[in-house]
C-alpha atoms as a PDB file:
ATOM      1  CA  ALA A   1      -4.972 -21.584  -7.692  1.00  0.00           C
ATOM      2  CA  ALA A   2      -1.811 -23.555  -8.282  1.00  0.00           C
ATOM      3  CA  ALA A   3       0.621 -23.387  -5.368  1.00  0.00           C
ATOM      4  CA  LEU A   4       4.406 -23.244  -5.514  1.00  0.00           C
ATOM      5  CA  ARG A   5       5.930 -25.558  -2.912  1.00  0.00           C
ATOM      6  CA  ASP A   6       9.337 -25.323  -1.265  1.00  0.00           C
ATOM      7  CA  GLY A   7      12.498 -25.916  -3.282  1.00  0.00           C
ATOM      8  CA  ASP A   8      14.796 -24.076  -5.668  1.00  0.00           C
ATOM      9  CA  PRO A   9      12.627 -21.112  -6.677  1.00  0.00           C
ATOM     10  CA  MET A  10      13.684 -20.870 -10.312  1.00  0.00           C
ATOM     11  CA  GLN A  11      13.521 -24.626 -10.902  1.00  0.00           C
ATOM     12  CA  ARG A  12      10.115 -24.869  -9.278  1.00  0.00           C
ATOM     13  CA  ALA A  13       8.767 -21.839 -11.123  1.00  0.00           C
ATOM     14  CA  TYR A  14       9.708 -23.245 -14.515  1.00  0.00           C
ATOM     15  CA  ALA A  15       8.431 -26.695 -13.518  1.00  0.00           C
ATOM     16  CA  LEU A  16       5.016 -25.118 -12.987  1.00  0.00           C
ATOM     17  CA  ARG A  17       4.697 -24.216 -16.661  1.00  0.00           C
ATOM     18  CA  GLU A  18       3.573 -27.712 -17.647  1.00  0.00           C
ATOM     19  CA  ALA A  19       1.059 -27.840 -14.812  1.00  0.00           C
ATOM     20  CA  VAL A  20      -0.267 -24.424 -15.806  1.00  0.00           C
ATOM     21  CA  SER A  21      -0.733 -25.553 -19.405  1.00  0.00           C
ATOM     22  CA  VAL A  22      -2.887 -28.466 -18.162  1.00  0.00           C
ATOM     23  CA  ALA A  23      -4.863 -26.911 -15.299  1.00  0.00           C
ATOM     24  CA  ARG A  24      -5.034 -23.336 -16.658  1.00  0.00           C
ATOM     25  CA  PRO A  25      -5.350 -21.677 -13.217  1.00  0.00           C
ATOM     26  CA  ASP A  26      -6.325 -18.030 -12.926  1.00  0.00           C
ATOM     27  CA  VAL A  27      -3.813 -17.471 -10.127  1.00  0.00           C
ATOM     28  CA  LEU A  28      -0.402 -18.882  -9.185  1.00  0.00           C
ATOM     29  CA  LEU A  29      -0.114 -18.827  -5.414  1.00  0.00           C
ATOM     30  CA  VAL A  30       3.376 -18.500  -3.918  1.00  0.00           C
ATOM     31  CA  GLY A  31       4.199 -19.149  -0.270  1.00  0.00           C
ATOM     32  CA  TRP A  32       0.997 -20.570   1.221  1.00  0.00           C
ATOM     33  CA  GLY A  33       0.743 -19.844   4.951  1.00  0.00           C
ATOM     34  CA  GLY A  34       3.284 -17.022   4.932  1.00  0.00           C
ATOM     35  CA  HIS A  35       5.697 -19.263   6.798  1.00  0.00           C
ATOM     36  CA  ALA A  36       8.748 -17.842   4.980  1.00  0.00           C
ATOM     37  CA  GLN A  37       8.405 -14.516   6.735  1.00  0.00           C
ATOM     38  CA  THR A  38       7.760 -16.163  10.118  1.00  0.00           C
ATOM     39  CA  ALA A  39      10.851 -18.350   9.672  1.00  0.00           C
ATOM     40  CA  ALA A  40      12.895 -15.304   8.684  1.00  0.00           C
ATOM     41  CA  LEU A  41      11.745 -13.306  11.707  1.00  0.00           C
ATOM     42  CA  ALA A  42      12.319 -16.259  14.033  1.00  0.00           C
ATOM     43  CA  GLU A  43      15.873 -16.557  12.708  1.00  0.00           C
ATOM     44  CA  LEU A  44      16.442 -12.832  13.164  1.00  0.00           C
ATOM     45  CA  ALA A  45      15.003 -12.939  16.678  1.00  0.00           C
ATOM     46  CA  GLY A  46      17.262 -15.852  17.646  1.00  0.00           C
ATOM     47  CA  GLU A  47      17.363 -16.373  21.386  1.00  0.00           C
ATOM     48  CA  ALA A  48      16.200 -12.865  22.217  1.00  0.00           C
ATOM     49  CA  SER A  49      14.099 -12.583  25.348  1.00  0.00           C
ATOM     50  CA  ASP A  50      10.626 -11.105  25.228  1.00  0.00           C
ATOM     51  CA  ASP A  51      12.041  -7.858  26.623  1.00  0.00           C
ATOM     52  CA  ASP A  52      14.708  -7.642  23.909  1.00  0.00           C
ATOM     53  CA  LEU A  53      12.636  -8.906  20.966  1.00  0.00           C
ATOM     54  CA  VAL A  54      11.276  -5.520  19.907  1.00  0.00           C
ATOM     55  CA  ASP A  55      14.759  -3.966  19.863  1.00  0.00           C
ATOM     56  CA  VAL A  56      16.112  -6.926  17.871  1.00  0.00           C
ATOM     57  CA  LEU A  57      13.331  -6.600  15.306  1.00  0.00           C
ATOM     58  CA  TYR A  58      13.855  -2.835  15.036  1.00  0.00           C
ATOM     59  CA  ASP A  59      17.538  -3.374  14.234  1.00  0.00           C
ATOM     60  CA  ALA A  60      16.997  -6.314  11.871  1.00  0.00           C
ATOM     61  CA  PRO A  61      17.702  -5.992   8.126  1.00  0.00           C
ATOM     62  CA  PRO A  62      14.712  -5.846   5.747  1.00  0.00           C
ATOM     63  CA  LEU A  63      12.688  -9.051   5.542  1.00  0.00           C
ATOM     64  CA  ALA A  64      13.218  -9.145   1.777  1.00  0.00           C
ATOM     65  CA  GLN A  65      16.917  -9.830   2.393  1.00  0.00           C
ATOM     66  CA  ALA A  66      16.322 -12.878   4.608  1.00  0.00           C
ATOM     67  CA  ALA A  67      17.000 -16.165   2.817  1.00  0.00           C
ATOM     68  CA  PRO A  68      13.491 -17.734   3.009  1.00  0.00           C
ATOM     69  CA  VAL A  69      11.812 -14.524   1.855  1.00  0.00           C
ATOM     70  CA  ALA A  70      14.414 -13.793  -0.817  1.00  0.00           C
ATOM     71  CA  ALA A  71      13.748 -17.227  -2.318  1.00  0.00           C
ATOM     72  CA  LEU A  72      10.017 -16.524  -2.326  1.00  0.00           C
ATOM     73  CA  LEU A  73      10.538 -13.168  -4.061  1.00  0.00           C
ATOM     74  CA  GLU A  74      12.795 -14.809  -6.654  1.00  0.00           C
ATOM     75  CA  ALA A  75      10.033 -17.306  -7.452  1.00  0.00           C
ATOM     76  CA  VAL A  76       7.541 -14.447  -7.825  1.00  0.00           C
ATOM     77  CA  SER A  77       9.900 -12.593 -10.147  1.00  0.00           C
ATOM     78  CA  VAL A  78      10.475 -15.663 -12.343  1.00  0.00           C
ATOM     79  CA  LEU A  79       6.748 -16.427 -12.590  1.00  0.00           C
ATOM     80  CA  ALA A  80       5.903 -12.796 -13.334  1.00  0.00           C
ATOM     81  CA  GLY A  81       8.498 -12.930 -16.113  1.00  0.00           C
ATOM     82  CA  ILE A  82       7.038 -16.124 -17.581  1.00  0.00           C
ATOM     83  CA  TYR A  83       3.509 -14.684 -17.543  1.00  0.00           C
ATOM     84  CA  PRO A  84       4.013 -10.898 -17.932  1.00  0.00           C
ATOM     85  CA  ALA A  85       0.631 -10.038 -19.447  1.00  0.00           C
ATOM     86  CA  THR A  86      -1.211 -13.228 -20.336  1.00  0.00           C
ATOM     87  CA  GLY A  87      -1.761 -16.338 -18.295  1.00  0.00           C
ATOM     88  CA  PRO A  88      -2.302 -16.585 -14.546  1.00  0.00           C
ATOM     89  CA  ARG A  89      -1.743 -13.714 -12.134  1.00  0.00           C
ATOM     90  CA  VAL A  90       0.886 -14.192  -9.430  1.00  0.00           C
ATOM     91  CA  ALA A  91      -0.275 -14.008  -5.820  1.00  0.00           C
ATOM     92  CA  VAL A  92       1.854 -14.043  -2.671  1.00  0.00           C
ATOM     93  CA  VAL A  93       0.683 -15.219   0.736  1.00  0.00           C
ATOM     94  CA  LEU A  94       1.738 -13.094   3.709  1.00  0.00           C
ATOM     95  CA  ARG A  95       0.822 -13.529   7.335  1.00  0.00           C
ATOM     96  CA  GLY A  96      -0.498 -10.380   8.950  1.00  0.00           C
ATOM     97  CA  PRO A  97       1.277  -8.739  11.891  1.00  0.00           C
ATOM     98  CA  CYS A  98      -0.913 -10.286  14.576  1.00  0.00           C
ATOM     99  CA  SER A  99      -0.724 -13.870  13.328  1.00  0.00           C
ATOM    100  CA  THR A 100       3.012 -13.422  12.704  1.00  0.00           C
ATOM    101  CA  ALA A 101       3.487 -12.193  16.267  1.00  0.00           C
ATOM    102  CA  VAL A 102       1.594 -15.224  17.545  1.00  0.00           C
ATOM    103  CA  GLY A 103       3.849 -17.440  15.427  1.00  0.00           C
ATOM    104  CA  LEU A 104       6.827 -15.927  17.238  1.00  0.00           C
ATOM    105  CA  GLY A 105       5.301 -16.672  20.617  1.00  0.00           C
ATOM    106  CA  CYS A 106       4.059 -13.128  21.305  1.00  0.00           C
ATOM    107  CA  ALA A 107       0.557 -11.933  21.993  1.00  0.00           C
ATOM    108  CA  ALA A 108      -1.270 -10.396  19.050  1.00  0.00           C
ATOM    109  CA  GLY A 109      -1.505  -7.075  20.887  1.00  0.00           C
ATOM    110  CA  ASP A 110       2.179  -6.865  21.880  1.00  0.00           C
ATOM    111  CA  GLU A 111       4.445  -4.073  20.703  1.00  0.00           C
ATOM    112  CA  ALA A 112       6.179  -6.714  18.584  1.00  0.00           C
ATOM    113  CA  ALA A 113       3.119  -6.807  16.327  1.00  0.00           C
ATOM    114  CA  ASP A 114       3.530  -3.070  15.626  1.00  0.00           C
ATOM    115  CA  VAL A 115       7.181  -3.541  14.671  1.00  0.00           C
ATOM    116  CA  ILE A 116       6.295  -6.537  12.517  1.00  0.00           C
ATOM    117  CA  SER A 117       3.604  -4.495  10.766  1.00  0.00           C
ATOM    118  CA  ASP A 118       6.196  -1.917   9.732  1.00  0.00           C
ATOM    119  CA  ALA A 119       8.486  -4.690   8.471  1.00  0.00           C
ATOM    120  CA  LEU A 120       5.635  -6.243   6.495  1.00  0.00           C
ATOM    121  CA  ALA A 121       4.753  -2.909   4.912  1.00  0.00           C
ATOM    122  CA  ALA A 122       8.293  -2.751   3.519  1.00  0.00           C
ATOM    123  CA  LEU A 123       7.968  -6.373   2.376  1.00  0.00           C
ATOM    124  CA  VAL A 124       4.769  -5.496   0.493  1.00  0.00           C
ATOM    125  CA  ARG A 125       6.827  -3.044  -1.590  1.00  0.00           C
ATOM    126  CA  ALA A 126       9.319  -5.824  -2.408  1.00  0.00           C
ATOM    127  CA  VAL A 127       6.451  -8.160  -3.345  1.00  0.00           C
ATOM    128  CA  ALA A 128       5.035  -5.552  -5.731  1.00  0.00           C
ATOM    129  CA  ASP A 129       8.462  -4.865  -7.230  1.00  0.00           C
ATOM    130  CA  ALA A 130       8.879  -8.601  -7.852  1.00  0.00           C
ATOM    131  CA  GLY A 131       5.731  -8.599  -9.987  1.00  0.00           C
ATOM    132  CA  ALA A 132       2.939  -9.966  -7.789  1.00  0.00           C
ATOM    133  CA  GLY A 133      -0.539  -8.591  -8.417  1.00  0.00           C
ATOM    134  CA  ILE A 134      -2.449 -10.144  -5.514  1.00  0.00           C
ATOM    135  CA  VAL A 135      -1.578 -10.509  -1.829  1.00  0.00           C
ATOM    136  CA  VAL A 136      -3.396 -13.132   0.225  1.00  0.00           C
ATOM    137  CA  LEU A 137      -3.141 -11.879   3.803  1.00  0.00           C
ATOM    138  CA  VAL A 138      -3.611 -14.540   6.490  1.00  0.00           C
ATOM    139  CA  GLU A 139      -4.677 -12.564   9.514  1.00  0.00           C
ATOM    140  CA  ASP A 140      -7.126 -12.149  12.371  1.00  0.00           C
ATOM    141  CA  LEU A 141      -8.292  -8.579  11.816  1.00  0.00           C
ATOM    142  CA  ALA A 142     -10.112  -8.643  15.166  1.00  0.00           C
ATOM    143  CA  ALA A 143      -6.885  -9.291  17.108  1.00  0.00           C
ATOM    144  CA  GLY A 144      -4.927  -6.466  18.673  1.00  0.00           C
ATOM    145  CA  GLU A 145      -5.685  -2.835  17.959  1.00  0.00           C
ATOM    146  CA  ALA A 146      -7.015  -1.895  14.530  1.00  0.00           C
ATOM    147  CA  ALA A 147      -4.042   0.452  14.085  1.00  0.00           C
ATOM    148  CA  VAL A 148      -1.618  -2.475  14.024  1.00  0.00           C
ATOM    149  CA  HIS A 149      -2.846  -3.433  10.547  1.00  0.00           C
ATOM    150  CA  ALA A 150      -2.687   0.098   9.161  1.00  0.00           C
ATOM    151  CA  PRO A 151       0.905   0.112   7.784  1.00  0.00           C
ATOM    152  CA  VAL A 152       0.356  -3.116   5.828  1.00  0.00           C
ATOM    153  CA  LEU A 153      -3.065  -2.163   4.483  1.00  0.00           C
ATOM    154  CA  ARG A 154      -1.874   1.337   3.601  1.00  0.00           C
ATOM    155  CA  ALA A 155       1.078  -0.114   1.649  1.00  0.00           C
ATOM    156  CA  LEU A 156      -1.218  -2.516  -0.202  1.00  0.00           C
ATOM    157  CA  GLU A 157      -3.570   0.302  -1.141  1.00  0.00           C
ATOM    158  CA  HIS A 158      -0.777   2.670  -2.160  1.00  0.00           C
ATOM    159  CA  LEU A 159       0.827   0.070  -4.422  1.00  0.00           C
ATOM    160  CA  GLY A 160      -2.494  -0.883  -6.009  1.00  0.00           C
ATOM    161  CA  LEU A 161      -2.268  -4.553  -5.095  1.00  0.00           C
ATOM    162  CA  ASP A 162      -5.440  -6.604  -4.847  1.00  0.00           C
ATOM    163  CA  VAL A 163      -5.671  -8.104  -1.361  1.00  0.00           C
ATOM    164  CA  VAL A 164      -7.692 -11.066  -0.175  1.00  0.00           C
ATOM    165  CA  VAL A 165      -7.824 -11.564   3.597  1.00  0.00           C
ATOM    166  CA  VAL A 166      -8.075 -15.148   4.834  1.00  0.00           C
ATOM    167  CA  GLU A 167      -9.259 -15.111   8.419  1.00  0.00           C
ATOM    168  CA  ALA A 168      -6.851 -16.680  10.889  1.00  0.00           C
ATOM    169  CA  TYR A 169      -7.853 -17.571  14.435  1.00  0.00           C
ATOM    170  CA  ALA A 170      -6.463 -19.390  17.437  1.00  0.00           C
ATOM    171  CA  GLU A 171      -7.369 -23.070  17.580  1.00  0.00           C
ATOM    172  CA  GLU A 172      -9.560 -24.309  20.377  1.00  0.00           C
ATOM    173  CA  ALA A 173      -8.482 -27.200  22.602  1.00  0.00           C
ATOM    174  CA  ASP A 174     -10.068 -29.784  20.317  1.00  0.00           C
ATOM    175  CA  GLY A 175      -8.073 -28.472  17.364  1.00  0.00           C
ATOM    176  CA  GLY A 176     -11.144 -27.074  15.671  1.00  0.00           C
ATOM    177  CA  PRO A 177     -12.132 -23.500  14.956  1.00  0.00           C
ATOM    178  CA  PRO A 178     -14.364 -21.533  17.282  1.00  0.00           C
ATOM    179  CA  GLY A 179     -17.816 -21.800  15.808  1.00  0.00           C
ATOM    180  CA  GLY A 180     -17.126 -23.421  12.469  1.00  0.00           C
ATOM    181  CA  ALA A 181     -15.114 -25.800  10.314  1.00  0.00           C
ATOM    182  CA  GLY A 182     -11.618 -24.911   9.183  1.00  0.00           C
ATOM    183  CA  ALA A 183      -8.253 -26.282   8.191  1.00  0.00           C
ATOM    184  CA  GLY A 184      -4.900 -26.131   9.925  1.00  0.00           C
ATOM    185  CA  ALA A 185      -2.426 -23.470   8.779  1.00  0.00           C
ATOM    186  CA  GLY A 186       0.243 -24.191  11.369  1.00  0.00           C
ATOM    187  CA  ALA A 187       0.449 -25.176  14.998  1.00  0.00           C
ATOM    188  CA  GLU A 188      -0.906 -21.916  16.328  1.00  0.00           C
ATOM    189  CA  THR A 189      -3.623 -20.868  13.884  1.00  0.00           C
ATOM    190  CA  SER A 190      -6.184 -22.191  11.475  1.00  0.00           C
ATOM    191  CA  VAL A 191      -8.129 -20.518   8.701  1.00  0.00           C
ATOM    192  CA  ARG A 192     -11.850 -20.330   8.224  1.00  0.00           C
ATOM    193  CA  ALA A 193     -13.431 -21.554   5.014  1.00  0.00           C
ATOM    194  CA  VAL A 194     -14.262 -18.021   3.922  1.00  0.00           C
ATOM    195  CA  ALA A 195     -12.081 -15.261   2.517  1.00  0.00           C
ATOM    196  CA  TRP A 196     -12.926 -11.700   1.584  1.00  0.00           C
ATOM    197  CA  ASP A 197     -11.223  -8.737  -0.034  1.00  0.00           C
ATOM    198  CA  LEU A 198     -10.540  -5.286   1.354  1.00  0.00           C
ATOM    199  CA  THR A 199     -10.141  -3.342  -1.859  1.00  0.00           C
ATOM    200  CA  GLY A 200     -13.328  -4.329  -3.653  1.00  0.00           C
ATOM    201  CA  SER A 201     -11.288  -5.252  -6.729  1.00  0.00           C
ATOM    202  CA  ALA A 202      -9.766  -8.588  -5.723  1.00  0.00           C
ATOM    203  CA  PRO A 203     -11.385 -11.781  -7.040  1.00  0.00           C
ATOM    204  CA  PRO A 204     -13.978 -13.151  -4.591  1.00  0.00           C
ATOM    205  CA  ALA A 205     -12.341 -16.069  -2.820  1.00  0.00           C
ATOM    206  CA  ALA A 206     -13.188 -19.201  -0.879  1.00  0.00           C
ATOM    207  CA  VAL A 207     -10.952 -21.558   1.093  1.00  0.00           C
ATOM    208  CA  VAL A 208     -11.116 -25.365   0.860  1.00  0.00           C
ATOM    209  CA  ASP A 209      -9.966 -27.700   3.632  1.00  0.00           C
ATOM    210  CA  PRO A 210      -7.534 -30.150   1.946  1.00  0.00           C
ATOM    211  CA  GLY A 211      -8.952 -32.883   4.181  1.00  0.00           C
ATOM    212  CA  VAL A 212     -12.200 -32.949   2.205  1.00  0.00           C
ATOM    213  CA  LEU A 213     -10.215 -33.778  -0.955  1.00  0.00           C
ATOM    214  CA  ALA A 214      -8.111 -36.612   0.472  1.00  0.00           C
ATOM    215  CA  GLY A 215      -8.928 -40.185  -0.482  1.00  0.00           C
ATOM    216  CA  VAL A 216     -12.079 -39.388  -2.441  1.00  0.00           C
ATOM    217  CA  ASP A 217     -13.090 -40.130  -6.008  1.00  0.00           C
ATOM    218  CA  ALA A 218     -13.322 -37.500  -8.723  1.00  0.00           C
ATOM    219  CA  ALA A 219     -17.059 -36.912  -8.310  1.00  0.00           C
ATOM    220  CA  VAL A 220     -16.741 -36.104  -4.598  1.00  0.00           C
ATOM    221  CA  ALA A 221     -13.739 -33.840  -5.185  1.00  0.00           C
ATOM    222  CA  VAL A 222     -15.531 -31.993  -7.980  1.00  0.00           C
ATOM    223  CA  GLU A 223     -18.566 -31.466  -5.751  1.00  0.00           C
ATOM    224  CA  ALA A 224     -16.395 -30.054  -2.936  1.00  0.00           C
ATOM    225  CA  LEU A 225     -14.650 -27.658  -5.308  1.00  0.00           C
ATOM    226  CA  ARG A 226     -17.931 -26.584  -6.903  1.00  0.00           C
ATOM    227  CA  ALA A 227     -19.344 -25.832  -3.459  1.00  0.00           C
ATOM    228  CA  ALA A 228     -16.344 -23.621  -2.750  1.00  0.00           C
ATOM    229  CA  ALA A 229     -16.549 -21.970  -6.163  1.00  0.00           C
ATOM    230  CA  ALA A 230     -20.118 -20.948  -5.378  1.00  0.00           C
ATOM    231  CA  HIS A 231     -18.633 -18.570  -2.795  1.00  0.00           C
ATOM    232  CA  GLY A 232     -15.731 -17.254  -4.844  1.00  0.00           C
ATOM    233  CA  THR A 233     -14.077 -17.372  -8.242  1.00  0.00           C
ATOM    234  CA  LEU A 234     -10.664 -17.781  -6.570  1.00  0.00           C
ATOM    235  CA  VAL A 235     -10.618 -21.127  -4.751  1.00  0.00           C
ATOM    236  CA  LEU A 236      -7.723 -21.516  -2.317  1.00  0.00           C
ATOM    237  CA  CYS A 237      -6.678 -24.732  -0.600  1.00  0.00           C
ATOM    238  CA  ALA A 238      -5.639 -24.277   3.030  1.00  0.00           C
ATOM    239  CA  GLY A 239      -2.581 -26.473   2.670  1.00  0.00           C
ATOM    240  CA  GLN A 240      -1.104 -28.808   0.088  1.00  0.00           C
ATOM    241  CA  VAL A 241      -3.610 -30.372  -2.296  1.00  0.00           C
ATOM    242  CA  PRO A 242      -3.526 -34.140  -1.615  1.00  0.00           C
ATOM    243  CA  ALA A 243      -1.499 -36.014  -4.226  1.00  0.00           C
ATOM    244  CA  ASP A 244      -4.328 -38.503  -4.809  1.00  0.00           C
ATOM    245  CA  VAL A 245      -6.870 -35.889  -5.942  1.00  0.00           C
ATOM    246  CA  PRO A 246      -7.990 -36.938  -9.454  1.00  0.00           C
ATOM    247  CA  LEU A 247      -6.635 -34.552 -12.072  1.00  0.00           C
ATOM    248  CA  GLU A 248     -10.035 -34.226 -13.717  1.00  0.00           C
ATOM    249  CA  ALA A 249     -11.335 -32.664 -10.509  1.00  0.00           C
ATOM    250  CA  LEU A 250      -8.777 -29.867 -10.760  1.00  0.00           C
ATOM    251  CA  VAL A 251      -8.976 -29.086 -14.491  1.00  0.00           C
ATOM    252  CA  PRO A 252     -11.809 -26.734 -15.467  1.00  0.00           C
END
């Protein structure tokens, strides 16, 4: 999957056309990590205390109107317009309610996660309206109560979006994942090297640690990507692909 980095959304979207013509990805991934929504919520929350945070979030305008998220949705809309029927599908990365709550300094089971879930369900509608066909949800589905995920998952199902869940988890003291290898997705969470889908219709996915691609020759990079591809036809990189990765390793 080719990833759209930060910057002017329209300029970056059109700049991707040349890369797409070379690499021919199946999916264009917008907003890796879901940090736009976390930044938007953090800005809305401001200096609110833990006691006031839920009320602030209840009264906040829709996430789609916040500047970081609006820029992301504009990029999705431009890309969906460039590739309306042929070419790569457009996917958007969203953080789930529990991992978003953790990013705001709350516990995954706090009431804030419930409010965030409602806000994300509305954002899913905006993502679909912008033209995305896949949502990559970075979340720890074991955190909090199962009901906290219901609004988001119900919106995804209702709108007919394919959804791939990338498992997020709290980092252990040594910076590594509990029980396995993973890659950093922010200060508070990492992602495991496995992804799965909830709908049964999303492309099977695997996640690659960008560290295994850094400073290696083409043969090593190809081998790492082939190993990931054995677990899924959609290969995601948990972070920015290192600039020194040989192009021949990325072109099918």
